[in-house]
Amino acid sequence: MSGHRVDAEQMAPEIFYSVCYGSKNPPEVIRKLHTFTPAVLHDHCRHRVKFADYPAVVPEKDRSVQGVYATGLTEANLDKLDYFEGSEYERVTAQVEVLQPSDGGEVVPTRKDASVYIFLRHEQLEEREWDFEEFRREKMALWTRGDWAFDQAGDDKAAVKTAA
């Protein structure tokens, strides 16, 4: 197993599982392969993308992005995530602060390298920040439904599965 990452979308586990395993609720044996720990990416900001549900992380001094540090990723998981993010993003390595609770319960930030998806098309950004809670309330169900597939057909689009 390899790969640790903070995701541009504040990757909710249900989206990660939908992208990598085709179900927002995979079997427990799959869920046990991965951990998701809160993390902060400093000197970056997450903006809304015009006419899109998803966000864009870009370098921005004195700002920070709340996200997750995920462990247990395989090369196959990373390939699916790269495909999902598409050509609008570049996966780069950056330092993040992982917010891991100590034995005493207090949060102790630990700096770690992580893969981060940086948005490449700045002209497509809105000024306001992307709101994860708004996304969770209004759009999450669309991004985690069972008929959504990422079949790597060669374009940067997901497809709806059809019954045979």
N, C-alpha and C. Protein backbone atom coordinates (compact mmCIF):
# COMPACT_ATOMS: atom_id res chain seq x y z
N MET A 1 0.83 -1.17 0.00
CA MET A 1 0.00 0.00 0.00
C MET A 1 0.88 1.24 0.00
N SER A 2 0.46 2.23 -0.74
CA SER A 2 1.22 3.46 -0.75
C SER A 2 0.27 4.63 -0.90
N GLY A 3 0.80 5.81 -0.67
CA GLY A 3 0.06 7.02 -0.92
C GLY A 3 -0.64 7.56 0.30
N HIS A 4 -0.42 8.81 0.56
CA HIS A 4 -1.13 9.57 1.57
C HIS A 4 -1.52 10.85 0.89
N ARG A 5 -2.69 11.35 1.20
CA ARG A 5 -3.08 12.55 0.49
C ARG A 5 -4.03 13.41 1.29
N VAL A 6 -4.01 14.67 1.00
CA VAL A 6 -5.06 15.59 1.39
C VAL A 6 -5.76 15.92 0.10
N ASP A 7 -7.05 15.80 0.09
CA ASP A 7 -7.76 15.97 -1.15
C ASP A 7 -8.34 17.37 -1.28
N ALA A 8 -8.38 17.85 -2.52
CA ALA A 8 -8.91 19.18 -2.80
C ALA A 8 -10.36 19.33 -2.38
N GLU A 9 -11.12 18.29 -2.39
CA GLU A 9 -12.53 18.39 -2.05
C GLU A 9 -12.81 18.20 -0.58
N GLN A 10 -11.83 18.15 0.25
CA GLN A 10 -12.03 17.70 1.62
C GLN A 10 -12.72 16.35 1.48
N MET A 11 -12.05 15.48 0.78
CA MET A 11 -12.60 14.21 0.31
C MET A 11 -13.35 13.49 1.41
N ALA A 12 -14.66 13.49 1.29
CA ALA A 12 -15.49 12.71 2.20
C ALA A 12 -15.27 11.24 1.88
N PRO A 13 -15.20 10.40 2.90
CA PRO A 13 -14.99 8.98 2.62
C PRO A 13 -15.99 8.40 1.61
N GLU A 14 -17.24 8.82 1.66
CA GLU A 14 -18.23 8.26 0.73
C GLU A 14 -17.93 8.62 -0.73
N ILE A 15 -17.32 9.78 -0.99
CA ILE A 15 -16.91 10.10 -2.35
C ILE A 15 -15.68 9.29 -2.73
N PHE A 16 -14.71 9.20 -1.83
CA PHE A 16 -13.53 8.37 -2.08
C PHE A 16 -13.95 6.94 -2.42
N TYR A 17 -14.82 6.35 -1.60
CA TYR A 17 -15.26 4.98 -1.85
C TYR A 17 -16.04 4.87 -3.16
N SER A 18 -16.86 5.86 -3.47
CA SER A 18 -17.61 5.84 -4.74
C SER A 18 -16.67 5.85 -5.93
N VAL A 19 -15.63 6.69 -5.87
CA VAL A 19 -14.66 6.79 -6.96
C VAL A 19 -13.81 5.53 -7.07
N CYS A 20 -13.29 5.07 -5.93
CA CYS A 20 -12.31 3.97 -5.96
C CYS A 20 -12.92 2.58 -5.94
N TYR A 21 -14.14 2.44 -5.40
CA TYR A 21 -14.72 1.11 -5.25
C TYR A 21 -16.12 0.98 -5.83
N GLY A 22 -16.67 2.07 -6.38
CA GLY A 22 -17.97 2.01 -7.02
C GLY A 22 -19.15 1.98 -6.07
N SER A 23 -18.92 2.21 -4.79
CA SER A 23 -19.99 2.22 -3.81
C SER A 23 -19.61 3.14 -2.66
N LYS A 24 -20.57 3.94 -2.20
CA LYS A 24 -20.26 4.81 -1.07
C LYS A 24 -20.18 4.03 0.23
N ASN A 25 -20.67 2.81 0.22
CA ASN A 25 -20.64 1.94 1.40
C ASN A 25 -20.02 0.59 1.04
N PRO A 26 -18.72 0.52 0.81
CA PRO A 26 -18.10 -0.76 0.47
C PRO A 26 -18.08 -1.68 1.69
N PRO A 27 -17.78 -2.95 1.50
CA PRO A 27 -17.71 -3.87 2.63
C PRO A 27 -16.70 -3.38 3.68
N GLU A 28 -16.92 -3.78 4.92
CA GLU A 28 -16.06 -3.35 6.02
C GLU A 28 -14.59 -3.69 5.78
N VAL A 29 -14.33 -4.81 5.13
CA VAL A 29 -12.94 -5.20 4.86
C VAL A 29 -12.23 -4.14 4.01
N ILE A 30 -12.94 -3.49 3.11
CA ILE A 30 -12.38 -2.40 2.30
C ILE A 30 -12.23 -1.15 3.16
N ARG A 31 -13.27 -0.81 3.93
CA ARG A 31 -13.20 0.40 4.77
C ARG A 31 -12.04 0.34 5.75
N LYS A 32 -11.71 -0.85 6.24
CA LYS A 32 -10.62 -0.99 7.21
C LYS A 32 -9.24 -0.76 6.59
N LEU A 33 -9.15 -0.74 5.27
CA LEU A 33 -7.87 -0.51 4.59
C LEU A 33 -7.44 0.95 4.65
N HIS A 34 -8.37 1.86 4.94
CA HIS A 34 -8.11 3.29 4.83
C HIS A 34 -8.43 4.03 6.12
N THR A 35 -7.67 5.08 6.39
CA THR A 35 -8.00 6.00 7.48
C THR A 35 -8.13 7.40 6.89
N PHE A 36 -8.94 8.22 7.53
CA PHE A 36 -9.17 9.60 7.11
C PHE A 36 -9.02 10.49 8.35
N THR A 37 -7.97 11.30 8.37
CA THR A 37 -7.66 12.14 9.52
C THR A 37 -7.70 13.60 9.09
N PRO A 38 -8.32 14.48 9.87
CA PRO A 38 -8.33 15.90 9.51
C PRO A 38 -6.92 16.44 9.32
N ALA A 39 -6.78 17.32 8.35
CA ALA A 39 -5.48 17.92 8.06
C ALA A 39 -5.67 19.33 7.51
N VAL A 40 -4.61 20.11 7.57
CA VAL A 40 -4.63 21.49 7.08
C VAL A 40 -3.50 21.68 6.09
N LEU A 41 -3.84 22.28 4.95
CA LEU A 41 -2.87 22.66 3.93
C LEU A 41 -2.73 24.18 4.01
N HIS A 42 -1.58 24.65 4.45
CA HIS A 42 -1.36 26.09 4.63
C HIS A 42 -0.96 26.75 3.31
N ASP A 43 -1.21 28.06 3.24
CA ASP A 43 -0.87 28.89 2.08
C ASP A 43 -1.55 28.43 0.81
N HIS A 44 -2.77 27.91 0.95
CA HIS A 44 -3.63 27.52 -0.16
C HIS A 44 -5.06 27.90 0.20
N CYS A 45 -5.91 28.01 -0.80
CA CYS A 45 -7.31 28.32 -0.59
C CYS A 45 -8.16 27.43 -1.50
N ARG A 46 -9.36 27.10 -1.05
CA ARG A 46 -10.29 26.29 -1.84
C ARG A 46 -11.40 27.22 -2.32
N HIS A 47 -11.46 27.43 -3.64
CA HIS A 47 -12.47 28.30 -4.25
C HIS A 47 -13.53 27.48 -4.96
N ARG A 48 -14.66 28.14 -5.21
CA ARG A 48 -15.69 27.54 -6.05
C ARG A 48 -15.22 27.63 -7.51
N VAL A 49 -15.58 26.63 -8.29
CA VAL A 49 -15.33 26.65 -9.73
C VAL A 49 -16.63 27.10 -10.40
N LYS A 50 -16.54 28.06 -11.32
CA LYS A 50 -17.74 28.56 -12.00
C LYS A 50 -18.50 27.42 -12.66
N PHE A 51 -19.80 27.40 -12.46
CA PHE A 51 -20.72 26.44 -13.09
C PHE A 51 -20.41 24.99 -12.72
N ALA A 52 -19.84 24.75 -11.53
CA ALA A 52 -19.48 23.39 -11.13
C ALA A 52 -19.84 23.17 -9.66
N ASP A 53 -20.00 21.91 -9.29
CA ASP A 53 -20.27 21.54 -7.90
C ASP A 53 -18.99 21.41 -7.09
N TYR A 54 -17.89 21.18 -7.75
CA TYR A 54 -16.65 20.83 -7.08
C TYR A 54 -15.77 22.05 -6.84
N PRO A 55 -14.81 21.92 -5.91
CA PRO A 55 -13.93 23.04 -5.58
C PRO A 55 -12.60 22.97 -6.32
N ALA A 56 -11.81 23.99 -6.08
CA ALA A 56 -10.46 24.07 -6.65
C ALA A 56 -9.53 24.58 -5.58
N VAL A 57 -8.46 23.85 -5.32
CA VAL A 57 -7.43 24.31 -4.40
C VAL A 57 -6.33 24.95 -5.21
N VAL A 58 -5.93 26.15 -4.79
CA VAL A 58 -4.85 26.89 -5.45
C VAL A 58 -3.96 27.52 -4.38
N PRO A 59 -2.69 27.73 -4.71
CA PRO A 59 -1.81 28.42 -3.76
C PRO A 59 -2.33 29.83 -3.49
N GLU A 60 -2.36 30.21 -2.23
CA GLU A 60 -2.81 31.54 -1.84
C GLU A 60 -2.23 31.84 -0.46
N LYS A 61 -1.33 32.80 -0.42
CA LYS A 61 -0.59 33.15 0.80
C LYS A 61 -1.55 33.49 1.95
N ASP A 62 -1.18 33.05 3.14
CA ASP A 62 -1.90 33.35 4.38
C ASP A 62 -3.32 32.80 4.43
N ARG A 63 -3.61 31.79 3.66
CA ARG A 63 -4.92 31.10 3.70
C ARG A 63 -4.64 29.65 4.04
N SER A 64 -5.69 28.89 4.33
CA SER A 64 -5.50 27.47 4.58
C SER A 64 -6.74 26.69 4.16
N VAL A 65 -6.52 25.42 3.88
CA VAL A 65 -7.58 24.52 3.43
C VAL A 65 -7.69 23.39 4.45
N GLN A 66 -8.90 23.18 4.95
CA GLN A 66 -9.18 22.03 5.80
C GLN A 66 -9.45 20.86 4.86
N GLY A 67 -8.82 19.73 5.13
CA GLY A 67 -9.02 18.56 4.30
C GLY A 67 -8.82 17.30 5.11
N VAL A 68 -8.49 16.22 4.43
CA VAL A 68 -8.23 14.96 5.11
C VAL A 68 -6.92 14.38 4.61
N TYR A 69 -6.27 13.67 5.51
CA TYR A 69 -5.07 12.92 5.21
C TYR A 69 -5.53 11.47 5.19
N ALA A 70 -5.49 10.86 4.02
CA ALA A 70 -5.97 9.49 3.86
C ALA A 70 -4.80 8.54 3.76
N THR A 71 -4.92 7.39 4.38
CA THR A 71 -3.88 6.38 4.30
C THR A 71 -4.44 5.11 3.69
N GLY A 72 -3.54 4.23 3.27
CA GLY A 72 -3.94 2.94 2.72
C GLY A 72 -4.22 2.97 1.24
N LEU A 73 -3.87 4.06 0.57
CA LEU A 73 -4.15 4.16 -0.86
C LEU A 73 -3.19 3.29 -1.66
N THR A 74 -3.74 2.59 -2.63
CA THR A 74 -2.93 1.79 -3.55
C THR A 74 -2.67 2.60 -4.82
N GLU A 75 -1.79 2.10 -5.67
CA GLU A 75 -1.57 2.76 -6.96
C GLU A 75 -2.87 2.77 -7.77
N ALA A 76 -3.66 1.70 -7.67
CA ALA A 76 -4.95 1.66 -8.38
C ALA A 76 -5.88 2.74 -7.85
N ASN A 77 -5.92 2.97 -6.53
CA ASN A 77 -6.73 4.05 -5.97
C ASN A 77 -6.27 5.39 -6.53
N LEU A 78 -4.96 5.63 -6.54
CA LEU A 78 -4.43 6.90 -7.05
C LEU A 78 -4.75 7.09 -8.53
N ASP A 79 -4.67 6.01 -9.31
CA ASP A 79 -5.03 6.11 -10.73
C ASP A 79 -6.49 6.54 -10.89
N LYS A 80 -7.37 5.95 -10.10
CA LYS A 80 -8.79 6.31 -10.18
C LYS A 80 -9.02 7.75 -9.72
N LEU A 81 -8.33 8.16 -8.68
CA LEU A 81 -8.46 9.54 -8.21
C LEU A 81 -7.91 10.53 -9.24
N ASP A 82 -6.78 10.20 -9.87
CA ASP A 82 -6.24 11.06 -10.93
C ASP A 82 -7.25 11.20 -12.06
N TYR A 83 -7.87 10.10 -12.44
CA TYR A 83 -8.87 10.13 -13.50
C TYR A 83 -10.07 10.98 -13.09
N PHE A 84 -10.53 10.77 -11.87
CA PHE A 84 -11.67 11.51 -11.33
C PHE A 84 -11.39 13.01 -11.33
N GLU A 85 -10.22 13.41 -10.89
CA GLU A 85 -9.87 14.83 -10.84
C GLU A 85 -9.70 15.41 -12.24
N GLY A 86 -9.23 14.62 -13.18
CA GLY A 86 -9.16 15.05 -14.57
C GLY A 86 -8.02 15.99 -14.88
N SER A 87 -8.06 16.51 -16.09
CA SER A 87 -6.96 17.34 -16.60
C SER A 87 -6.97 18.76 -16.03
N GLU A 88 -8.01 19.13 -15.28
CA GLU A 88 -8.04 20.45 -14.67
C GLU A 88 -7.13 20.54 -13.45
N TYR A 89 -6.65 19.40 -12.98
CA TYR A 89 -5.85 19.35 -11.75
C TYR A 89 -4.51 18.69 -12.00
N GLU A 90 -3.55 19.06 -11.16
CA GLU A 90 -2.25 18.39 -11.15
C GLU A 90 -2.01 17.89 -9.72
N ARG A 91 -1.64 16.63 -9.60
CA ARG A 91 -1.31 16.08 -8.28
C ARG A 91 0.13 16.45 -7.95
N VAL A 92 0.32 17.13 -6.82
CA VAL A 92 1.64 17.56 -6.37
C VAL A 92 1.84 17.09 -4.92
N THR A 93 3.09 17.06 -4.49
CA THR A 93 3.39 16.74 -3.10
C THR A 93 3.56 18.04 -2.32
N ALA A 94 2.92 18.10 -1.17
CA ALA A 94 3.00 19.29 -0.32
C ALA A 94 3.03 18.86 1.14
N GLN A 95 3.50 19.75 2.00
CA GLN A 95 3.48 19.51 3.44
C GLN A 95 2.11 19.90 3.99
N VAL A 96 1.54 19.02 4.81
CA VAL A 96 0.27 19.31 5.48
C VAL A 96 0.45 19.10 6.97
N GLU A 97 -0.44 19.68 7.74
CA GLU A 97 -0.49 19.46 9.17
C GLU A 97 -1.60 18.47 9.46
N VAL A 98 -1.24 17.27 9.88
CA VAL A 98 -2.23 16.25 10.24
C VAL A 98 -2.63 16.51 11.68
N LEU A 99 -3.94 16.57 11.91
CA LEU A 99 -4.47 16.91 13.23
C LEU A 99 -4.88 15.64 13.97
N GLN A 100 -3.89 14.97 14.51
CA GLN A 100 -4.08 13.68 15.16
C GLN A 100 -4.27 13.86 16.66
N PRO A 101 -5.37 13.33 17.24
CA PRO A 101 -5.54 13.42 18.69
C PRO A 101 -4.47 12.58 19.41
N SER A 102 -3.94 13.11 20.50
CA SER A 102 -2.96 12.37 21.31
C SER A 102 -3.71 11.45 22.26
N ASP A 103 -2.96 10.67 23.00
CA ASP A 103 -3.57 9.77 23.99
C ASP A 103 -4.38 10.55 25.02
N GLY A 104 -3.95 11.77 25.32
CA GLY A 104 -4.65 12.61 26.28
C GLY A 104 -5.86 13.32 25.70
N GLY A 105 -6.11 13.15 24.40
CA GLY A 105 -7.28 13.75 23.77
C GLY A 105 -7.03 15.08 23.08
N GLU A 106 -5.90 15.74 23.39
CA GLU A 106 -5.63 17.00 22.72
C GLU A 106 -5.10 16.74 21.31
N VAL A 107 -5.39 17.67 20.41
CA VAL A 107 -4.95 17.53 19.02
C VAL A 107 -3.51 18.00 18.90
N VAL A 108 -2.69 17.14 18.33
CA VAL A 108 -1.27 17.45 18.14
C VAL A 108 -0.99 17.48 16.64
N PRO A 109 -0.72 18.68 16.08
CA PRO A 109 -0.42 18.75 14.65
C PRO A 109 0.92 18.10 14.33
N THR A 110 0.93 17.29 13.28
CA THR A 110 2.14 16.63 12.81
C THR A 110 2.30 16.94 11.34
N ARG A 111 3.48 17.40 10.92
CA ARG A 111 3.71 17.74 9.51
C ARG A 111 4.06 16.47 8.74
N LYS A 112 3.39 16.30 7.59
CA LYS A 112 3.64 15.14 6.74
C LYS A 112 3.54 15.56 5.28
N ASP A 113 4.23 14.83 4.42
CA ASP A 113 4.08 15.02 2.98
C ASP A 113 2.78 14.35 2.54
N ALA A 114 2.10 15.00 1.62
CA ALA A 114 0.84 14.46 1.11
C ALA A 114 0.69 14.84 -0.36
N SER A 115 -0.09 14.06 -1.07
CA SER A 115 -0.45 14.42 -2.44
C SER A 115 -1.66 15.33 -2.39
N VAL A 116 -1.60 16.40 -3.16
CA VAL A 116 -2.66 17.41 -3.19
C VAL A 116 -2.99 17.69 -4.65
N TYR A 117 -4.27 17.85 -4.96
CA TYR A 117 -4.68 18.18 -6.33
C TYR A 117 -4.84 19.69 -6.45
N ILE A 118 -4.00 20.31 -7.26
CA ILE A 118 -4.00 21.76 -7.48
C ILE A 118 -4.71 22.06 -8.79
N PHE A 119 -5.64 23.00 -8.73
CA PHE A 119 -6.43 23.38 -9.90
C PHE A 119 -5.58 24.24 -10.83
N LEU A 120 -5.66 23.99 -12.13
CA LEU A 120 -4.78 24.64 -13.10
C LEU A 120 -5.43 25.81 -13.85
N ARG A 121 -6.74 25.93 -13.80
CA ARG A 121 -7.44 26.94 -14.62
C ARG A 121 -8.00 28.07 -13.76
N HIS A 122 -7.13 28.97 -13.37
CA HIS A 122 -7.49 30.05 -12.44
C HIS A 122 -8.61 30.93 -12.97
N GLU A 123 -8.72 31.07 -14.27
CA GLU A 123 -9.76 31.93 -14.85
C GLU A 123 -11.16 31.37 -14.61
N GLN A 124 -11.27 30.11 -14.22
CA GLN A 124 -12.57 29.48 -13.98
C GLN A 124 -13.00 29.55 -12.52
N LEU A 125 -12.25 30.25 -11.70
CA LEU A 125 -12.56 30.31 -10.27
C LEU A 125 -13.46 31.47 -9.92
N GLU A 126 -14.34 31.23 -8.96
CA GLU A 126 -15.10 32.31 -8.35
C GLU A 126 -14.27 32.87 -7.21
N GLU A 127 -14.56 34.10 -6.80
CA GLU A 127 -13.81 34.72 -5.71
C GLU A 127 -14.11 34.04 -4.38
N ARG A 128 -15.36 33.64 -4.18
CA ARG A 128 -15.72 33.09 -2.87
C ARG A 128 -15.21 31.68 -2.67
N GLU A 129 -15.01 31.35 -1.42
CA GLU A 129 -14.53 30.01 -1.08
C GLU A 129 -15.64 28.98 -1.25
N TRP A 130 -15.22 27.77 -1.54
CA TRP A 130 -16.14 26.64 -1.65
C TRP A 130 -16.53 26.22 -0.25
N ASP A 131 -17.81 25.89 -0.06
CA ASP A 131 -18.34 25.54 1.25
C ASP A 131 -18.67 24.05 1.30
N PHE A 132 -17.89 23.28 2.05
CA PHE A 132 -18.08 21.84 2.13
C PHE A 132 -19.45 21.48 2.69
N GLU A 133 -19.89 22.18 3.72
CA GLU A 133 -21.20 21.86 4.32
C GLU A 133 -22.34 22.12 3.33
N GLU A 134 -22.24 23.18 2.55
CA GLU A 134 -23.22 23.45 1.51
C GLU A 134 -23.23 22.31 0.49
N PHE A 135 -22.04 21.85 0.09
CA PHE A 135 -21.93 20.73 -0.83
C PHE A 135 -22.56 19.48 -0.23
N ARG A 136 -22.25 19.19 1.03
CA ARG A 136 -22.79 18.01 1.70
C ARG A 136 -24.33 18.04 1.71
N ARG A 137 -24.89 19.20 2.03
CA ARG A 137 -26.35 19.35 2.10
C ARG A 137 -27.01 19.24 0.73
N GLU A 138 -26.44 19.91 -0.27
CA GLU A 138 -27.13 20.10 -1.54
C GLU A 138 -26.67 19.20 -2.69
N LYS A 139 -25.44 18.68 -2.65
CA LYS A 139 -24.91 17.98 -3.83
C LYS A 139 -24.34 16.59 -3.56
N MET A 140 -24.01 16.26 -2.31
CA MET A 140 -23.33 15.01 -2.00
C MET A 140 -24.04 13.80 -2.59
N ALA A 141 -25.35 13.75 -2.48
CA ALA A 141 -26.09 12.58 -2.98
C ALA A 141 -25.87 12.36 -4.47
N LEU A 142 -25.71 13.44 -5.24
CA LEU A 142 -25.46 13.31 -6.67
C LEU A 142 -24.10 12.70 -6.97
N TRP A 143 -23.13 12.95 -6.10
CA TRP A 143 -21.76 12.49 -6.33
C TRP A 143 -21.47 11.11 -5.73
N THR A 144 -22.44 10.55 -5.02
CA THR A 144 -22.22 9.25 -4.39
C THR A 144 -23.31 8.25 -4.74
N ARG A 145 -24.09 8.53 -5.75
CA ARG A 145 -25.18 7.61 -6.09
C ARG A 145 -24.62 6.36 -6.75
N GLY A 146 -25.36 5.28 -6.64
CA GLY A 146 -24.90 3.97 -7.09
C GLY A 146 -24.74 3.81 -8.59
N ASP A 147 -25.39 4.66 -9.39
CA ASP A 147 -25.29 4.49 -10.84
C ASP A 147 -24.19 5.34 -11.46
N TRP A 148 -23.36 5.95 -10.65
CA TRP A 148 -22.27 6.80 -11.13
C TRP A 148 -21.04 5.94 -11.32
N ALA A 149 -20.40 6.00 -12.46
CA ALA A 149 -19.24 5.15 -12.73
C ALA A 149 -18.09 5.97 -13.27
N PHE A 150 -16.89 5.56 -12.95
CA PHE A 150 -15.68 6.20 -13.46
C PHE A 150 -14.94 5.11 -14.20
N ASP A 151 -15.29 4.96 -15.48
CA ASP A 151 -14.80 3.80 -16.23
C ASP A 151 -13.55 4.07 -17.04
N GLN A 152 -12.98 5.23 -16.92
CA GLN A 152 -11.76 5.60 -17.62
C GLN A 152 -11.85 5.36 -19.13
N ALA A 153 -12.92 5.84 -19.72
CA ALA A 153 -13.17 5.63 -21.14
C ALA A 153 -12.35 6.56 -22.02
N GLY A 154 -11.53 7.39 -21.43
CA GLY A 154 -10.67 8.23 -22.25
C GLY A 154 -10.99 9.70 -22.17
N ASP A 155 -12.21 10.05 -21.71
CA ASP A 155 -12.50 11.46 -21.53
C ASP A 155 -12.48 11.76 -20.04
N ASP A 156 -12.61 13.02 -19.68
CA ASP A 156 -12.57 13.41 -18.28
C ASP A 156 -13.95 13.40 -17.65
N LYS A 157 -14.83 12.58 -18.10
CA LYS A 157 -16.20 12.59 -17.62
C LYS A 157 -16.56 11.27 -16.97
N ALA A 158 -17.41 11.37 -15.97
CA ALA A 158 -17.99 10.18 -15.39
C ALA A 158 -19.19 9.81 -16.24
N ALA A 159 -19.65 8.61 -16.11
CA ALA A 159 -20.79 8.14 -16.89
C ALA A 159 -21.81 7.50 -15.96
N VAL A 160 -23.04 7.47 -16.40
CA VAL A 160 -24.09 6.79 -15.67
C VAL A 160 -24.15 5.35 -16.18
N LYS A 161 -24.12 4.39 -15.25
CA LYS A 161 -24.20 2.99 -15.64
C LYS A 161 -25.61 2.70 -16.14
N THR A 162 -25.71 1.85 -17.11
CA THR A 162 -27.02 1.44 -17.60
C THR A 162 -27.19 -0.06 -17.35
N ALA A 163 -28.40 -0.45 -17.07
CA ALA A 163 -28.67 -1.88 -16.83
C ALA A 163 -28.54 -2.65 -18.11
N ALA A 164 -27.97 -3.85 -18.02
CA ALA A 164 -27.77 -4.68 -19.20
C ALA A 164 -29.02 -5.47 -19.50
